[in-house]
Amino acid sequence: MAISDWPVSERSRERLLDRGAESLSDSELLAIFLRTGVKGKSAVDLARDLLKEFGSLRELMAADLSSLV
């Protein structure tokens, strides 16, 4: 399901604006930076997958570019 199909109150960007960054999970914050997903995955799904693969946002940011391709 596309994020645009979610209720407005559940969308990460809107929650960020309404309640601040502390109201979001790392995957939701990362999804905002990603801006878009890939075919079959929303930005939030993609962010969750990346965090699961790398273990944390810190590890993802420290990852070598070749491990992201």
C-alpha atoms as a PDB file:
ATOM      1  CA  MET A   1       0.000   0.000   0.000  1.00  0.00           C
ATOM      2  CA  ALA A   2       1.368   3.399  -0.953  1.00  0.00           C
ATOM      3  CA  ILE A   3       1.943   5.897   1.842  1.00  0.00           C
ATOM      4  CA  SER A   4      -0.424   8.290   0.057  1.00  0.00           C
ATOM      5  CA  ASP A   5      -3.165   5.735   0.776  1.00  0.00           C
ATOM      6  CA  TRP A   6      -2.474   5.835   4.550  1.00  0.00           C
ATOM      7  CA  PRO A   7      -4.591   8.015   6.826  1.00  0.00           C
ATOM      8  CA  VAL A   8      -2.981  11.459   7.162  1.00  0.00           C
ATOM      9  CA  SER A   9      -2.500  10.949  10.908  1.00  0.00           C
ATOM     10  CA  GLU A  10      -0.286   7.896  10.236  1.00  0.00           C
ATOM     11  CA  ARG A  11       2.004   9.456   7.622  1.00  0.00           C
ATOM     12  CA  SER A  12       5.539  10.067   8.870  1.00  0.00           C
ATOM     13  CA  ARG A  13       6.054  13.486   7.306  1.00  0.00           C
ATOM     14  CA  GLU A  14       2.806  14.846   8.700  1.00  0.00           C
ATOM     15  CA  ARG A  15       3.548  13.423  12.158  1.00  0.00           C
ATOM     16  CA  LEU A  16       7.001  15.016  12.035  1.00  0.00           C
ATOM     17  CA  LEU A  17       5.455  18.408  11.333  1.00  0.00           C
ATOM     18  CA  ASP A  18       2.682  18.009  13.908  1.00  0.00           C
ATOM     19  CA  ARG A  19       4.512  16.272  16.781  1.00  0.00           C
ATOM     20  CA  GLY A  20       8.244  16.568  16.103  1.00  0.00           C
ATOM     21  CA  ALA A  21      11.044  14.102  15.373  1.00  0.00           C
ATOM     22  CA  GLU A  22      10.814  12.426  18.782  1.00  0.00           C
ATOM     23  CA  SER A  23       7.420  11.016  17.782  1.00  0.00           C
ATOM     24  CA  LEU A  24       8.949   8.983  14.933  1.00  0.00           C
ATOM     25  CA  SER A  25      10.931   5.771  14.831  1.00  0.00           C
ATOM     26  CA  ASP A  26      14.342   5.592  13.137  1.00  0.00           C
ATOM     27  CA  SER A  27      12.745   3.855  10.161  1.00  0.00           C
ATOM     28  CA  GLU A  28      10.168   6.620   9.779  1.00  0.00           C
ATOM     29  CA  LEU A  29      12.854   9.318   9.947  1.00  0.00           C
ATOM     30  CA  LEU A  30      14.983   7.461   7.412  1.00  0.00           C
ATOM     31  CA  ALA A  31      11.946   7.082   5.133  1.00  0.00           C
ATOM     32  CA  ILE A  32      11.544  10.859   5.107  1.00  0.00           C
ATOM     33  CA  PHE A  33      15.137  11.223   3.902  1.00  0.00           C
ATOM     34  CA  LEU A  34      14.669   8.489   1.302  1.00  0.00           C
ATOM     35  CA  ARG A  35      11.533  10.278   0.035  1.00  0.00           C
ATOM     36  CA  THR A  36      10.455   7.370  -2.145  1.00  0.00           C
ATOM     37  CA  GLY A  37      10.440   3.608  -2.103  1.00  0.00           C
ATOM     38  CA  VAL A  38      11.083   1.106  -4.839  1.00  0.00           C
ATOM     39  CA  LYS A  39       8.656  -0.978  -6.839  1.00  0.00           C
ATOM     40  CA  GLY A  40       6.570  -2.969  -4.367  1.00  0.00           C
ATOM     41  CA  LYS A  41       7.975  -1.247  -1.237  1.00  0.00           C
ATOM     42  CA  SER A  42       7.111   2.058   0.361  1.00  0.00           C
ATOM     43  CA  ALA A  43       9.870   4.315   1.680  1.00  0.00           C
ATOM     44  CA  VAL A  44       9.013   3.117   5.203  1.00  0.00           C
ATOM     45  CA  ASP A  45       9.308  -0.544   4.164  1.00  0.00           C
ATOM     46  CA  LEU A  46      12.636   0.165   2.469  1.00  0.00           C
ATOM     47  CA  ALA A  47      13.902   2.026   5.547  1.00  0.00           C
ATOM     48  CA  ARG A  48      12.898  -0.878   7.806  1.00  0.00           C
ATOM     49  CA  ASP A  49      14.723  -3.328   5.532  1.00  0.00           C
ATOM     50  CA  LEU A  50      17.867  -1.191   5.527  1.00  0.00           C
ATOM     51  CA  LEU A  51      17.872  -0.848   9.307  1.00  0.00           C
ATOM     52  CA  LYS A  52      17.299  -4.573   9.704  1.00  0.00           C
ATOM     53  CA  GLU A  53      20.187  -5.361   7.357  1.00  0.00           C
ATOM     54  CA  PHE A  54      22.650  -2.915   8.942  1.00  0.00           C
ATOM     55  CA  GLY A  55      21.462  -3.170  12.549  1.00  0.00           C
ATOM     56  CA  SER A  56      21.119   0.542  13.291  1.00  0.00           C
ATOM     57  CA  LEU A  57      20.969   3.958  11.723  1.00  0.00           C
ATOM     58  CA  ARG A  58      24.538   4.612  12.892  1.00  0.00           C
ATOM     59  CA  GLU A  59      25.810   1.449  11.148  1.00  0.00           C
ATOM     60  CA  LEU A  60      23.882   2.286   7.990  1.00  0.00           C
ATOM     61  CA  MET A  61      25.423   5.761   7.857  1.00  0.00           C
ATOM     62  CA  ALA A  62      28.904   4.307   8.403  1.00  0.00           C
ATOM     63  CA  ALA A  63      28.470   1.653   5.707  1.00  0.00           C
ATOM     64  CA  ASP A  64      30.712   1.608   2.667  1.00  0.00           C
ATOM     65  CA  LEU A  65      28.930   2.742  -0.490  1.00  0.00           C
ATOM     66  CA  SER A  66      29.600  -0.612  -2.164  1.00  0.00           C
ATOM     67  CA  SER A  67      27.522  -2.386   0.503  1.00  0.00           C
ATOM     68  CA  LEU A  68      24.525  -0.218  -0.371  1.00  0.00           C
ATOM     69  CA  VAL A  69      24.426  -1.023  -4.072  1.00  0.00           C
END
